[in-house]
Structure formats: C-alpha cells, structure tokens
N, C-alpha and C. Protein backbone atom coordinates (compact mmCIF):
# COMPACT_ATOMS: atom_id res chain seq x y z
N MET A 1 15.91 5.42 3.97
CA MET A 1 14.60 5.40 4.38
C MET A 1 13.89 6.73 4.73
N VAL A 2 12.65 7.09 4.15
CA VAL A 2 12.39 8.71 4.31
C VAL A 2 11.64 8.69 5.58
N THR A 3 11.80 9.25 6.64
CA THR A 3 10.99 9.29 7.57
C THR A 3 9.98 10.13 7.73
N ARG A 4 8.81 10.09 8.77
CA ARG A 4 7.49 10.64 8.83
C ARG A 4 7.74 12.55 8.62
N ASP A 5 8.87 12.67 9.32
CA ASP A 5 9.18 14.16 9.49
C ASP A 5 9.86 14.80 7.80
N GLU A 6 10.69 14.27 7.37
CA GLU A 6 11.19 14.22 5.94
C GLU A 6 10.03 14.10 4.99
N VAL A 7 8.93 13.57 5.35
CA VAL A 7 7.67 13.54 4.05
C VAL A 7 6.84 14.54 4.72
N ARG A 8 6.45 15.27 5.80
CA ARG A 8 5.78 16.23 5.95
C ARG A 8 6.62 17.45 5.30
N ARG A 9 7.80 17.62 5.14
CA ARG A 9 8.71 18.84 4.45
C ARG A 9 8.31 18.85 3.32
N ILE A 10 8.65 17.44 2.42
CA ILE A 10 8.56 17.31 0.96
C ILE A 10 7.20 17.55 0.56
N ALA A 11 5.97 17.09 1.42
CA ALA A 11 4.75 17.32 0.99
C ALA A 11 4.49 19.26 1.10
N GLU A 12 5.03 19.83 2.22
CA GLU A 12 4.83 21.02 2.38
C GLU A 12 5.32 21.73 1.06
N GLN A 13 6.37 21.54 0.76
CA GLN A 13 7.01 21.91 -0.19
C GLN A 13 6.72 22.17 -1.71
N ALA A 14 6.03 20.95 -1.61
CA ALA A 14 5.05 20.37 -2.85
C ALA A 14 3.93 21.29 -2.80
N LEU A 15 3.29 21.60 -1.77
CA LEU A 15 1.86 22.03 -1.55
C LEU A 15 2.03 23.78 -2.20
N ALA A 16 3.25 23.97 -1.70
CA ALA A 16 3.42 25.35 -2.31
C ALA A 16 3.66 25.81 -3.75
N SER A 17 3.87 24.60 -4.39
CA SER A 17 4.29 25.03 -5.78
C SER A 17 3.11 24.69 -6.62
N TYR A 18 1.90 23.90 -5.85
CA TYR A 18 0.69 23.58 -6.56
C TYR A 18 -0.15 24.94 -6.67
N ARG A 19 -0.02 25.58 -7.96
CA ARG A 19 -1.01 26.80 -7.74
C ARG A 19 -2.38 26.37 -7.98
N GLU A 20 -3.07 25.53 -8.41
CA GLU A 20 -4.40 25.07 -8.70
C GLU A 20 -4.80 25.05 -7.15
N LEU A 21 -4.09 24.78 -6.13
CA LEU A 21 -4.73 24.58 -4.91
C LEU A 21 -4.91 26.31 -4.32
N ASP A 22 -6.12 26.61 -3.68
CA ASP A 22 -6.29 27.63 -3.06
C ASP A 22 -5.30 27.70 -1.42
N ASP A 23 -5.26 28.87 -1.14
CA ASP A 23 -4.05 29.23 -0.03
C ASP A 23 -4.78 28.42 1.32
N GLY A 24 -3.91 28.17 1.94
CA GLY A 24 -4.39 27.23 3.29
C GLY A 24 -4.29 26.16 3.12
N ALA A 25 -4.19 25.30 1.78
CA ALA A 25 -3.74 23.80 1.79
C ALA A 25 -2.79 23.51 2.69
N ALA A 26 -3.12 22.28 3.33
CA ALA A 26 -2.07 21.94 4.77
C ALA A 26 -2.18 20.73 4.75
N VAL A 27 -0.80 19.87 5.37
CA VAL A 27 -1.19 18.44 5.71
C VAL A 27 -1.62 17.88 6.66
N VAL A 28 -2.58 17.41 6.77
CA VAL A 28 -3.39 16.93 8.05
C VAL A 28 -3.11 15.49 8.53
N GLU A 29 -2.53 14.66 7.59
CA GLU A 29 -2.44 13.31 8.30
C GLU A 29 -1.11 12.50 7.57
N ILE A 30 -0.41 11.74 7.88
CA ILE A 30 0.58 11.13 6.93
C ILE A 30 0.55 9.74 7.46
N LEU A 31 0.22 8.79 6.72
CA LEU A 31 -0.08 7.74 6.85
C LEU A 31 1.12 6.44 6.22
N SER A 32 1.87 5.59 6.71
CA SER A 32 2.55 4.61 5.99
C SER A 32 1.49 3.77 5.33
N GLY A 33 1.90 3.28 4.16
CA GLY A 33 0.99 2.48 3.41
C GLY A 33 0.38 1.32 4.16
N ASP A 34 1.18 0.66 4.92
CA ASP A 34 0.91 -0.56 5.62
C ASP A 34 -0.29 0.22 6.84
N GLU A 35 -0.65 1.47 7.23
CA GLU A 35 -1.37 1.73 8.04
C GLU A 35 -2.69 2.26 7.70
N LEU A 36 -2.98 2.01 6.23
CA LEU A 36 -4.43 2.29 5.46
C LEU A 36 -5.37 1.50 5.93
N GLY A 37 -5.22 0.48 6.50
CA GLY A 37 -6.04 -0.20 6.81
C GLY A 37 -7.26 -0.04 5.90
N GLU A 38 -8.46 -0.29 6.10
CA GLU A 38 -9.64 -0.52 5.48
C GLU A 38 -9.78 0.67 4.70
N ARG A 39 -9.12 1.92 4.46
CA ARG A 39 -9.33 3.19 3.78
C ARG A 39 -9.24 2.62 2.36
N ARG A 40 -9.83 3.02 1.54
CA ARG A 40 -10.04 2.83 0.11
C ARG A 40 -9.34 3.96 -0.99
N ILE A 41 -8.53 3.88 -1.31
CA ILE A 41 -7.37 4.50 -2.02
C ILE A 41 -7.29 4.12 -3.30
N SER A 42 -7.84 5.33 -4.59
CA SER A 42 -7.91 5.04 -5.72
C SER A 42 -7.34 6.01 -6.63
N PRO A 43 -6.36 6.24 -6.37
CA PRO A 43 -5.70 7.37 -7.18
C PRO A 43 -5.73 7.26 -8.66
N TYR A 44 -5.86 8.35 -9.34
CA TYR A 44 -6.44 8.47 -10.99
C TYR A 44 -4.76 8.34 -11.57
N THR A 45 -4.33 7.18 -11.66
CA THR A 45 -3.01 6.66 -12.07
C THR A 45 -3.44 5.47 -12.84
N ALA A 46 -2.39 5.18 -13.94
CA ALA A 46 -2.08 4.02 -14.22
C ALA A 46 -0.91 3.31 -13.91
N SER A 47 -0.09 3.76 -13.32
CA SER A 47 1.00 3.06 -12.77
C SER A 47 0.84 2.73 -11.49
N PRO A 48 1.35 1.44 -11.10
CA PRO A 48 1.10 0.58 -10.11
C PRO A 48 1.62 1.30 -9.08
N ILE A 49 1.01 1.07 -7.70
CA ILE A 49 1.73 1.91 -6.47
C ILE A 49 1.68 0.59 -5.74
N SER A 50 3.28 0.67 -4.87
CA SER A 50 3.54 -0.15 -3.71
C SER A 50 3.32 0.42 -2.61
N TRP A 51 1.95 0.37 -2.12
CA TRP A 51 1.72 0.62 -0.83
C TRP A 51 2.70 0.56 0.36
N GLU A 52 3.10 -0.93 0.57
CA GLU A 52 4.17 -0.98 1.45
C GLU A 52 5.53 -0.30 1.64
N ASN A 53 6.16 0.63 0.51
CA ASN A 53 7.03 1.46 0.00
C ASN A 53 6.37 2.74 -0.07
N SER A 54 5.30 3.05 0.55
CA SER A 54 4.80 4.35 0.37
C SER A 54 4.39 5.01 1.71
N TRP A 55 4.48 6.36 1.77
CA TRP A 55 3.93 7.37 2.68
C TRP A 55 2.85 7.95 1.67
N VAL A 56 1.42 8.00 2.45
CA VAL A 56 0.07 8.68 1.92
C VAL A 56 -0.07 9.90 2.84
N VAL A 57 -0.20 10.85 2.30
CA VAL A 57 -0.23 12.67 2.83
C VAL A 57 -1.58 12.98 2.48
N TYR A 58 -2.43 13.17 3.71
CA TYR A 58 -3.75 13.74 3.17
C TYR A 58 -3.69 15.23 3.33
N VAL A 59 -4.35 15.78 2.64
CA VAL A 59 -4.20 17.56 2.49
C VAL A 59 -5.52 18.00 2.65
N ALA A 60 -5.62 18.95 3.49
CA ALA A 60 -6.93 19.63 3.83
C ALA A 60 -6.88 20.96 2.70
N ARG A 61 -8.01 21.13 2.22
CA ARG A 61 -8.20 22.65 1.47
C ARG A 61 -9.24 23.30 2.40
N LYS A 62 -8.76 24.82 1.74
CA LYS A 62 -9.90 25.61 2.65
C LYS A 62 -11.41 25.38 1.85
N ARG A 63 -11.24 25.23 0.78
CA ARG A 63 -12.76 25.03 0.18
C ARG A 63 -13.70 24.06 0.84
N VAL A 64 -14.69 24.36 1.15
CA VAL A 64 -15.41 23.33 1.45
C VAL A 64 -16.68 22.75 0.83
N MET A 65 -16.96 21.47 0.23
CA MET A 65 -17.67 21.33 -1.08
C MET A 65 -17.11 20.04 -1.20
N LEU A 66 -18.10 19.08 -1.87
CA LEU A 66 -18.32 18.06 -2.01
C LEU A 66 -17.15 17.69 -3.59
N MET A 67 -16.29 17.17 -2.79
CA MET A 67 -14.74 16.97 -3.73
C MET A 67 -14.45 15.98 -3.22
N SER A 68 -13.42 14.94 -4.16
CA SER A 68 -12.64 14.13 -3.83
C SER A 68 -11.40 14.50 -2.73
N SER A 69 -11.01 13.56 -1.78
CA SER A 69 -9.63 14.10 -1.19
C SER A 69 -8.32 14.37 -1.81
N LEU A 70 -7.63 14.78 -1.29
CA LEU A 70 -6.47 15.36 -2.13
C LEU A 70 -5.61 14.40 -1.21
N ILE A 71 -4.55 13.65 -2.18
CA ILE A 71 -3.29 13.26 -1.57
C ILE A 71 -2.04 13.49 -2.20
N ILE A 72 -0.87 13.06 -1.53
CA ILE A 72 0.37 12.98 -2.18
C ILE A 72 0.92 11.91 -1.62
N ILE A 73 1.60 10.92 -2.30
CA ILE A 73 2.13 9.78 -2.24
C ILE A 73 3.66 9.81 -2.51
N ILE A 74 4.43 9.23 -1.32
CA ILE A 74 5.79 9.61 -1.23
C ILE A 74 6.61 8.18 -1.07
N SER A 75 7.28 8.16 -1.81
CA SER A 75 8.19 7.06 -1.39
C SER A 75 9.06 6.99 -0.42
N LYS A 76 9.02 5.73 0.09
CA LYS A 76 9.76 5.64 1.33
C LYS A 76 11.14 5.31 1.05
N THR A 77 11.40 4.97 -0.18
CA THR A 77 13.04 4.94 -0.23
C THR A 77 13.75 5.93 -0.84
N ASP A 78 13.09 7.09 -1.77
CA ASP A 78 14.17 8.10 -2.03
C ASP A 78 13.00 9.43 -1.76
N GLY A 79 12.27 9.05 -1.41
CA GLY A 79 11.11 10.78 -1.00
C GLY A 79 10.67 11.18 -2.30
N ARG A 80 10.82 10.77 -3.45
CA ARG A 80 10.31 11.16 -4.73
C ARG A 80 8.50 10.94 -4.39
N ILE A 81 8.07 11.95 -5.32
CA ILE A 81 6.42 12.21 -5.41
C ILE A 81 6.18 11.19 -6.23
N VAL A 82 5.36 10.14 -5.87
CA VAL A 82 4.91 9.08 -6.60
C VAL A 82 3.61 9.50 -7.37
N TYR A 83 2.84 10.17 -6.80
CA TYR A 83 1.38 10.75 -6.95
C TYR A 83 0.96 11.81 -6.10
N ALA A 84 0.30 12.81 -6.93
CA ALA A 84 -0.29 14.05 -6.38
C ALA A 84 -1.48 14.46 -6.93
N GLY A 85 -2.62 14.01 -6.19
CA GLY A 85 -3.73 14.44 -6.73
C GLY A 85 -5.16 13.78 -5.76
N PRO A 86 -6.06 13.72 -6.61
CA PRO A 86 -7.39 13.26 -5.96
C PRO A 86 -7.46 11.78 -5.65
N VAL A 87 -8.34 11.65 -5.18
CA VAL A 87 -8.35 9.79 -4.34
C VAL A 87 -9.50 9.05 -5.13
N ASN A 88 -10.58 9.89 -5.77
CA ASN A 88 -11.56 9.11 -6.24
C ASN A 88 -12.25 8.76 -5.46
N ASP A 89 -12.71 9.84 -4.10
CA ASP A 89 -13.89 9.07 -3.26
C ASP A 89 -14.79 10.00 -3.19
N GLU A 90 -15.26 10.92 -4.09
CA GLU A 90 -16.28 11.78 -3.86
C GLU A 90 -17.44 11.10 -3.13
N GLY A 91 -18.19 12.03 -2.77
CA GLY A 91 -19.21 11.69 -2.00
C GLY A 91 -19.49 10.71 -0.93
C-alpha cells in the first residue's frame, strides 16, 4: 500500500517532468478516492478508474485563468500513475 507521503513524492517527481506546465506547479492537496465526497471528477480518459484504490493529487498552477483543475491519480497498490491531466471542471 502506497502512503500519502509516498504519493506526494511520486507526484512531485511527475510534475518535474511535465514540460507543458509552467514553473511553480505544485501539489496542493492529496485525497484518497474515498475522501472525494461530493467532488465531481471526470478525467478525460476512457479507462475506468477504481476510486477506492486511488489517490487523487490536486495540482496548483502559477497561471491564473479559467481552466480545468489539474490532477494526478495514483494507484494505492503500486504507486503507478493512472492518469495525469485535466478534470473537466472548467467554469
């Protein structure tokens, strides 16, 4: 089982490699899939996501504009990045 601290490290390493992000993108919140509550998350992916077996990492960007939230979904089992990208929550 991957811990919240390990998830932060994995996410920060992933952020460092994403060239399309501006400098200053940072992890701001890490939630277990079962902690999402009422949040509507609709990642742009055709693959099903097992929320109960996932960590959801919210990322802040330096640029402030109307755009979708950026998340990284990480498997609780093996630390694999399941999804990284927008959440489809613009507006």
